[in-house]
C-alpha atoms as a PDB file:
ATOM      1  CA  MET A   1      -7.786  -9.693  10.090  1.00  0.00           C
ATOM      2  CA  PRO A   2     -10.419 -11.363   8.590  1.00  0.00           C
ATOM      3  CA  GLY A   3     -10.429 -11.783   4.880  1.00  0.00           C
ATOM      4  CA  PHE A   4      -7.120  -9.529   4.327  1.00  0.00           C
ATOM      5  CA  ALA A   5      -4.239 -11.972   4.601  1.00  0.00           C
ATOM      6  CA  ALA A   6      -0.981 -11.556   2.913  1.00  0.00           C
ATOM      7  CA  ARG A   7       0.012 -13.143  -0.074  1.00  0.00           C
ATOM      8  CA  PRO A   8       2.703 -15.405   0.616  1.00  0.00           C
ATOM      9  CA  PHE A   9       5.490 -13.116   0.876  1.00  0.00           C
ATOM     10  CA  ARG A  10       9.458 -14.234   0.256  1.00  0.00           C
ATOM     11  CA  LEU A  11      11.255 -10.817   0.922  1.00  0.00           C
ATOM     12  CA  SER A  12      11.674  -8.928   4.893  1.00  0.00           C
ATOM     13  CA  GLY A  13      15.010  -7.665   5.193  1.00  0.00           C
ATOM     14  CA  PRO A  14      18.024  -8.342   3.636  1.00  0.00           C
ATOM     15  CA  CYS A  15      18.877 -10.580   1.276  1.00  0.00           C
ATOM     16  CA  THR A  16      22.309 -11.703  -0.547  1.00  0.00           C
ATOM     17  CA  LEU A  17      22.735 -11.326  -4.484  1.00  0.00           C
ATOM     18  CA  PRO A  18      24.975 -13.455  -6.657  1.00  0.00           C
ATOM     19  CA  ALA A  19      28.510 -12.945  -6.882  1.00  0.00           C
ATOM     20  CA  GLY A  20      30.010  -9.585  -7.998  1.00  0.00           C
ATOM     21  CA  ASP A  21      26.093  -8.028  -8.086  1.00  0.00           C
ATOM     22  CA  GLN A  22      25.826  -4.174  -5.492  1.00  0.00           C
ATOM     23  CA  PRO A  23      23.546  -4.858  -2.970  1.00  0.00           C
ATOM     24  CA  LEU A  24      20.187  -3.362  -3.208  1.00  0.00           C
ATOM     25  CA  SER A  25      19.640  -0.241  -2.812  1.00  0.00           C
ATOM     26  CA  LEU A  26      16.277  -0.387  -1.237  1.00  0.00           C
ATOM     27  CA  LEU A  27      14.586  -3.755   0.605  1.00  0.00           C
ATOM     28  CA  PHE A  28      11.385  -3.401   2.622  1.00  0.00           C
ATOM     29  CA  ASP A  29      11.990  -4.483   5.441  1.00  0.00           C
ATOM     30  CA  GLU A  30       9.951  -4.509   7.688  1.00  0.00           C
ATOM     31  CA  PRO A  31      10.365  -5.121  11.401  1.00  0.00           C
ATOM     32  CA  GLN A  32      13.006  -1.970  10.716  1.00  0.00           C
ATOM     33  CA  LEU A  33       9.565   0.325   9.638  1.00  0.00           C
ATOM     34  CA  VAL A  34       7.376  -0.984  12.302  1.00  0.00           C
ATOM     35  CA  ARG A  35      10.035   0.696  14.203  1.00  0.00           C
ATOM     36  CA  SER A  36      10.730   3.860  12.158  1.00  0.00           C
ATOM     37  CA  LEU A  37       6.935   4.516  12.723  1.00  0.00           C
ATOM     38  CA  GLU A  38       7.080   4.128  16.404  1.00  0.00           C
ATOM     39  CA  ARG A  39       8.650   7.294  16.138  1.00  0.00           C
ATOM     40  CA  LEU A  40       5.854   9.258  14.916  1.00  0.00           C
ATOM     41  CA  PRO A  41       2.459  10.333  16.652  1.00  0.00           C
ATOM     42  CA  LEU A  42      -0.690   8.422  15.994  1.00  0.00           C
ATOM     43  CA  ALA A  43      -2.258  10.464  13.245  1.00  0.00           C
ATOM     44  CA  LEU A  44       0.929   9.908  10.796  1.00  0.00           C
ATOM     45  CA  ARG A  45       1.668   6.483  10.732  1.00  0.00           C
ATOM     46  CA  VAL A  46      -1.995   6.591   9.334  1.00  0.00           C
ATOM     47  CA  VAL A  47      -0.810   9.242   6.627  1.00  0.00           C
ATOM     48  CA  PHE A  48       1.921   7.320   6.031  1.00  0.00           C
ATOM     49  CA  ALA A  49      -0.315   3.829   5.542  1.00  0.00           C
ATOM     50  CA  ALA A  50      -3.043   6.241   3.605  1.00  0.00           C
ATOM     51  CA  SER A  51      -0.593   7.224   1.301  1.00  0.00           C
ATOM     52  CA  CYS A  52       0.232   3.537   0.472  1.00  0.00           C
ATOM     53  CA  ALA A  53      -3.527   3.161   0.128  1.00  0.00           C
ATOM     54  CA  GLU A  54      -4.331   5.895  -2.227  1.00  0.00           C
ATOM     55  CA  ARG A  55      -1.834   4.929  -4.587  1.00  0.00           C
ATOM     56  CA  LEU A  56      -3.098   1.678  -5.146  1.00  0.00           C
ATOM     57  CA  ILE A  57      -6.741   2.744  -6.141  1.00  0.00           C
ATOM     58  CA  SER A  58      -6.085   3.004  -9.297  1.00  0.00           C
ATOM     59  CA  THR A  59      -4.567  -0.808  -9.031  1.00  0.00           C
ATOM     60  CA  TYR A  60      -8.582  -1.716  -8.283  1.00  0.00           C
ATOM     61  CA  ASP A  61      -9.631   0.900 -10.998  1.00  0.00           C
ATOM     62  CA  SER A  62      -8.239  -0.856 -12.938  1.00  0.00           C
ATOM     63  CA  TYR A  63      -9.707  -4.227 -12.153  1.00  0.00           C
ATOM     64  CA  SER A  64     -13.220  -3.081 -11.903  1.00  0.00           C
ATOM     65  CA  ASN A  65     -12.878  -1.343 -15.196  1.00  0.00           C
ATOM     66  CA  ARG A  66     -11.964  -4.698 -16.833  1.00  0.00           C
ATOM     67  CA  THR A  67     -14.558  -7.019 -15.390  1.00  0.00           C
ATOM     68  CA  GLY A  68     -17.334  -5.225 -13.888  1.00  0.00           C
ATOM     69  CA  ARG A  69     -17.324  -6.279 -11.125  1.00  0.00           C
ATOM     70  CA  GLY A  70     -16.160  -3.863  -7.622  1.00  0.00           C
ATOM     71  CA  ASP A  71     -17.135  -0.254  -6.839  1.00  0.00           C
ATOM     72  CA  THR A  72     -14.397   1.943  -6.964  1.00  0.00           C
ATOM     73  CA  ALA A  73     -16.160   4.556  -6.343  1.00  0.00           C
ATOM     74  CA  ALA A  74     -17.330   3.348  -3.139  1.00  0.00           C
ATOM     75  CA  LEU A  75     -13.532   2.798  -2.327  1.00  0.00           C
ATOM     76  CA  ARG A  76     -12.887   6.110  -3.053  1.00  0.00           C
ATOM     77  CA  GLY A  77     -15.273   7.404  -0.234  1.00  0.00           C
ATOM     78  CA  ILE A  78     -13.468   5.511   2.152  1.00  0.00           C
ATOM     79  CA  LEU A  79     -10.474   6.820   1.556  1.00  0.00           C
ATOM     80  CA  ASN A  80     -11.579  10.357   0.669  1.00  0.00           C
ATOM     81  CA  ARG A  81     -13.397   9.953   4.379  1.00  0.00           C
ATOM     82  CA  LEU A  82     -10.038   8.844   6.388  1.00  0.00           C
ATOM     83  CA  TRP A  83      -7.726  11.910   4.823  1.00  0.00           C
ATOM     84  CA  ASP A  84     -10.360  14.042   6.112  1.00  0.00           C
ATOM     85  CA  ASP A  85     -11.067  12.354   9.215  1.00  0.00           C
ATOM     86  CA  LEU A  86      -7.083  13.016   9.273  1.00  0.00           C
ATOM     87  CA  SER A  87      -7.593  16.514   8.393  1.00  0.00           C
ATOM     88  CA  GLY A  88      -9.874  17.072  11.575  1.00  0.00           C
ATOM     89  CA  HIS A  89     -13.341  16.188  11.347  1.00  0.00           C
ATOM     90  CA  ARG A  90     -12.841  13.737  13.166  1.00  0.00           C
ATOM     91  CA  MET A  91     -14.485  10.141  12.341  1.00  0.00           C
ATOM     92  CA  THR A  92     -16.395   8.622  15.548  1.00  0.00           C
ATOM     93  CA  GLU A  93     -15.467   5.031  16.938  1.00  0.00           C
ATOM     94  CA  GLY A  94     -18.768   3.334  15.252  1.00  0.00           C
ATOM     95  CA  GLU A  95     -18.089   4.870  11.943  1.00  0.00           C
ATOM     96  CA  VAL A  96     -14.311   3.908  11.719  1.00  0.00           C
ATOM     97  CA  HIS A  97     -15.981   0.217  12.037  1.00  0.00           C
ATOM     98  CA  ALA A  98     -18.642   0.447   9.670  1.00  0.00           C
ATOM     99  CA  LYS A  99     -15.418   1.954   6.763  1.00  0.00           C
ATOM    100  CA  ILE A 100     -13.737  -1.229   7.764  1.00  0.00           C
ATOM    101  CA  ARG A 101     -16.767  -3.365   7.117  1.00  0.00           C
ATOM    102  CA  ALA A 102     -17.266  -1.464   3.849  1.00  0.00           C
ATOM    103  CA  CYS A 103     -13.655  -2.380   2.885  1.00  0.00           C
ATOM    104  CA  GLU A 104     -14.292  -6.648   3.256  1.00  0.00           C
ATOM    105  CA  ASP A 105     -17.711  -5.590   1.086  1.00  0.00           C
ATOM    106  CA  LEU A 106     -15.535  -4.402  -1.836  1.00  0.00           C
ATOM    107  CA  HIS A 107     -13.145  -7.160  -1.391  1.00  0.00           C
ATOM    108  CA  PRO A 108     -13.249  -9.213  -4.845  1.00  0.00           C
ATOM    109  CA  ARG A 109     -14.886 -12.540  -3.915  1.00  0.00           C
ATOM    110  CA  GLU A 110     -13.229 -15.363  -4.159  1.00  0.00           C
ATOM    111  CA  GLU A 111     -15.687 -16.943  -6.364  1.00  0.00           C
ATOM    112  CA  ASP A 112     -15.712 -14.589  -8.842  1.00  0.00           C
ATOM    113  CA  ARG A 113     -15.117 -15.776 -12.166  1.00  0.00           C
ATOM    114  CA  PRO A 114     -12.986 -15.433 -14.839  1.00  0.00           C
ATOM    115  CA  TRP A 115     -10.050 -15.040 -12.379  1.00  0.00           C
ATOM    116  CA  VAL A 116      -7.690 -12.048 -13.683  1.00  0.00           C
ATOM    117  CA  PRO A 117      -4.401 -10.776 -12.651  1.00  0.00           C
ATOM    118  CA  GLU A 118      -5.651  -7.001 -11.829  1.00  0.00           C
ATOM    119  CA  LYS A 119      -7.952  -9.179  -8.856  1.00  0.00           C
ATOM    120  CA  ASP A 120      -5.144  -9.563  -6.853  1.00  0.00           C
ATOM    121  CA  TYR A 121      -3.834  -6.211  -7.014  1.00  0.00           C
ATOM    122  CA  ALA A 122      -7.486  -4.994  -6.106  1.00  0.00           C
ATOM    123  CA  GLU A 123      -7.211  -6.994  -2.848  1.00  0.00           C
ATOM    124  CA  ASP A 124      -4.161  -5.230  -1.918  1.00  0.00           C
ATOM    125  CA  ALA A 125      -6.082  -1.872  -2.736  1.00  0.00           C
ATOM    126  CA  VAL A 126      -8.429  -3.333  -0.221  1.00  0.00           C
ATOM    127  CA  ALA A 127      -6.757  -4.553   2.412  1.00  0.00           C
ATOM    128  CA  ALA A 128      -4.354  -1.545   2.419  1.00  0.00           C
ATOM    129  CA  ALA A 129      -7.149   1.038   2.962  1.00  0.00           C
ATOM    130  CA  ALA A 130      -8.649  -0.781   5.591  1.00  0.00           C
ATOM    131  CA  TYR A 131      -4.903  -1.144   7.381  1.00  0.00           C
ATOM    132  CA  ALA A 132      -4.903   2.763   7.112  1.00  0.00           C
ATOM    133  CA  LEU A 133      -8.137   2.654   8.706  1.00  0.00           C
ATOM    134  CA  ARG A 134      -7.394   0.125  11.366  1.00  0.00           C
ATOM    135  CA  CYS A 135      -4.903   2.219  12.139  1.00  0.00           C
ATOM    136  CA  ARG A 136      -6.600   4.941  12.662  1.00  0.00           C
ATOM    137  CA  GLU A 137      -8.243   2.762  15.342  1.00  0.00           C
ATOM    138  CA  ASN A 138      -5.937   1.237  16.947  1.00  0.00           C
ATOM    139  CA  GLY A 139      -2.652   3.282  16.089  1.00  0.00           C
ATOM    140  CA  SER A 140      -0.766  -0.181  15.451  1.00  0.00           C
ATOM    141  CA  SER A 141       1.953   0.736  13.851  1.00  0.00           C
ATOM    142  CA  GLN A 142       1.775  -2.838  12.254  1.00  0.00           C
ATOM    143  CA  GLU A 143      -0.955  -2.101  11.029  1.00  0.00           C
ATOM    144  CA  ALA A 144       0.706   0.982   9.108  1.00  0.00           C
ATOM    145  CA  ALA A 145       3.164  -1.440   7.781  1.00  0.00           C
ATOM    146  CA  TRP A 146       0.536  -3.812   6.875  1.00  0.00           C
ATOM    147  CA  ALA A 147      -0.854  -1.076   3.984  1.00  0.00           C
ATOM    148  CA  SER A 148       2.425  -0.689   2.869  1.00  0.00           C
ATOM    149  CA  ARG A 149       3.402  -4.159   2.110  1.00  0.00           C
ATOM    150  CA  ARG A 150       0.311  -3.767   0.231  1.00  0.00           C
ATOM    151  CA  ALA A 151       1.643  -1.786  -2.114  1.00  0.00           C
ATOM    152  CA  TYR A 152       5.068  -3.671  -2.285  1.00  0.00           C
ATOM    153  CA  GLU A 153       3.594  -7.249  -3.170  1.00  0.00           C
ATOM    154  CA  ALA A 154       1.087  -5.520  -5.048  1.00  0.00           C
ATOM    155  CA  LEU A 155       4.214  -4.550  -7.339  1.00  0.00           C
ATOM    156  CA  ASP A 156       6.353  -7.386  -6.388  1.00  0.00           C
ATOM    157  CA  SER A 157       3.459  -9.518  -8.181  1.00  0.00           C
ATOM    158  CA  TYR A 158       2.825  -7.523 -10.933  1.00  0.00           C
ATOM    159  CA  VAL A 159       6.690  -7.537 -12.184  1.00  0.00           C
ATOM    160  CA  ILE A 160       6.267 -11.747 -11.266  1.00  0.00           C
ATOM    161  CA  GLU A 161       3.514 -11.354 -14.050  1.00  0.00           C
ATOM    162  CA  ARG A 162       4.805  -9.243 -16.651  1.00  0.00           C
ATOM    163  CA  ASN A 163       8.579 -11.079 -17.074  1.00  0.00           C
ATOM    164  CA  ASP A 164       7.751 -14.618 -15.838  1.00  0.00           C
ATOM    165  CA  PRO A 165      11.029 -14.995 -13.626  1.00  0.00           C
ATOM    166  CA  ASP A 166      12.841 -17.872 -12.622  1.00  0.00           C
ATOM    167  CA  LEU A 167      12.229 -17.699  -8.674  1.00  0.00           C
ATOM    168  CA  GLN A 168      13.680 -20.858  -7.644  1.00  0.00           C
ATOM    169  CA  THR A 169      17.439 -18.466  -9.005  1.00  0.00           C
ATOM    170  CA  ASP A 170      18.313 -15.859  -7.176  1.00  0.00           C
ATOM    171  CA  GLN A 171      18.934 -14.155 -10.524  1.00  0.00           C
ATOM    172  CA  GLY A 172      15.099 -14.657 -10.914  1.00  0.00           C
ATOM    173  CA  GLU A 173      14.801 -12.775  -7.360  1.00  0.00           C
ATOM    174  CA  THR A 174      16.907 -10.352  -8.117  1.00  0.00           C
ATOM    175  CA  GLN A 175      15.534  -9.623 -11.049  1.00  0.00           C
ATOM    176  CA  VAL A 176      12.195  -8.808  -9.308  1.00  0.00           C
ATOM    177  CA  LEU A 177      13.484  -6.606  -6.324  1.00  0.00           C
ATOM    178  CA  THR A 178      15.363  -4.531  -7.889  1.00  0.00           C
ATOM    179  CA  ASP A 179      12.588  -4.066 -10.994  1.00  0.00           C
ATOM    180  CA  PRO A 180      12.043   0.497 -10.845  1.00  0.00           C
ATOM    181  CA  LEU A 181       9.151   0.233 -10.518  1.00  0.00           C
ATOM    182  CA  VAL A 182       9.435  -1.886  -7.151  1.00  0.00           C
ATOM    183  CA  GLN A 183      12.607  -0.106  -6.331  1.00  0.00           C
ATOM    184  CA  ALA A 184       9.855   3.455  -7.021  1.00  0.00           C
ATOM    185  CA  GLU A 185       7.501   2.365  -4.571  1.00  0.00           C
ATOM    186  CA  LEU A 186       9.949   1.241  -1.808  1.00  0.00           C
ATOM    187  CA  ALA A 187      11.727   4.400  -3.095  1.00  0.00           C
ATOM    188  CA  ARG A 188       8.419   6.192  -2.243  1.00  0.00           C
ATOM    189  CA  GLN A 189       8.217   4.731   1.308  1.00  0.00           C
ATOM    190  CA  HIS A 190      10.948   6.201   3.028  1.00  0.00           C
ATOM    191  CA  ARG A 191      10.298   9.239   1.128  1.00  0.00           C
ATOM    192  CA  ASP A 192       7.057   9.316   2.674  1.00  0.00           C
ATOM    193  CA  LEU A 193       8.994   8.360   6.428  1.00  0.00           C
ATOM    194  CA  ASP A 194      11.364   9.821   6.067  1.00  0.00           C
ATOM    195  CA  GLU A 195       8.788  13.081   5.742  1.00  0.00           C
ATOM    196  CA  LEU A 196       7.258  12.947   8.606  1.00  0.00           C
ATOM    197  CA  LEU A 197       9.521  12.240  10.704  1.00  0.00           C
ATOM    198  CA  LEU A 198      10.325  15.753  10.332  1.00  0.00           C
ATOM    199  CA  VAL A 199       7.108  17.279  10.410  1.00  0.00           C
ATOM    200  CA  LEU A 200       6.679  19.756  13.239  1.00  0.00           C
ATOM    201  CA  PRO A 201       3.603  19.104  15.327  1.00  0.00           C
ATOM    202  CA  GLY A 202       1.977  22.407  14.268  1.00  0.00           C
ATOM    203  CA  ASP A 203       2.544  21.493  11.029  1.00  0.00           C
ATOM    204  CA  GLN A 204       0.131  18.179  10.763  1.00  0.00           C
ATOM    205  CA  MET A 205      -2.558  19.205   9.262  1.00  0.00           C
ATOM    206  CA  LYS A 206      -0.648  20.928   6.552  1.00  0.00           C
ATOM    207  CA  ALA A 207       1.335  17.542   5.900  1.00  0.00           C
ATOM    208  CA  VAL A 208      -1.976  16.085   5.815  1.00  0.00           C
ATOM    209  CA  ARG A 209      -3.163  17.770   2.397  1.00  0.00           C
ATOM    210  CA  ARG A 210       0.317  17.533   1.466  1.00  0.00           C
ATOM    211  CA  PHE A 211       0.665  13.863   1.560  1.00  0.00           C
ATOM    212  CA  GLN A 212      -2.695  13.221  -0.900  1.00  0.00           C
ATOM    213  CA  GLN A 213      -2.739  15.173  -3.128  1.00  0.00           C
ATOM    214  CA  ARG A 214       1.116  13.648  -3.336  1.00  0.00           C
ATOM    215  CA  ALA A 215       0.156  10.086  -3.568  1.00  0.00           C
ATOM    216  CA  THR A 216      -3.662  10.635  -5.741  1.00  0.00           C
ATOM    217  CA  GLU A 217      -0.892  12.312  -8.320  1.00  0.00           C
ATOM    218  CA  GLU A 218       0.987   8.831  -8.223  1.00  0.00           C
ATOM    219  CA  SER A 219      -2.221   6.523  -8.248  1.00  0.00           C
ATOM    220  CA  PRO A 220      -2.376   6.729 -11.607  1.00  0.00           C
ATOM    221  CA  THR A 221       1.626   5.852 -12.878  1.00  0.00           C
ATOM    222  CA  PHE A 222       1.539   2.698  -9.769  1.00  0.00           C
ATOM    223  CA  PHE A 223       2.351   0.098 -12.476  1.00  0.00           C
ATOM    224  CA  GLY A 224       4.438   2.980 -14.359  1.00  0.00           C
ATOM    225  CA  PRO A 225       3.921   5.051 -17.526  1.00  0.00           C
ATOM    226  CA  MET A 226       2.075   1.914 -19.261  1.00  0.00           C
ATOM    227  CA  SER A 227      -1.213   2.280 -16.258  1.00  0.00           C
ATOM    228  CA  LEU A 228      -1.980   5.328 -17.889  1.00  0.00           C
END
């Protein structure tokens, strides 16, 4: 998608930890995630992606508050409209296209100075929303997986910025991957997927409301309790 290229990504799937360590309990395995998402109806794929985007919105708000740039209310409106769509108030094809273009307009600009770490996280938030809309548009499981990848990458980058590990060593990589914040988001994604796989056709609307509420409640502590 133009304007939403992923940042360099180090892990997808199993990894090897230093000798004597236990295997990671949770990893971001994008191919497996795509296969699992294929088992969901289109609407529930969008619910999964929208939940990831919803949790990220607080990162865009932090960027906007620090720099005075961006428009959190506009991004919030886009996500609210997507949730409304999933609740039965359907968007037209043209409206979906317009919302995707609106995400592109909210994307932080390359030339914005000074650079702040929150800029990268704001890019992830906007991109995740755009991928969720693209999933709504074309039903692609890959689009939903890209939304979840943006949530994972945001925390991966945050932990690196906070801890400054030596990523040239296995120990540094492991320090990032096993960080409680990273593991917590991976656990949320696994939980969401597991629950969505159990949703019965007649319960989809109820699931939409539940997932929206929960993701909204989880957003303020996306970067941990200190982000409140």
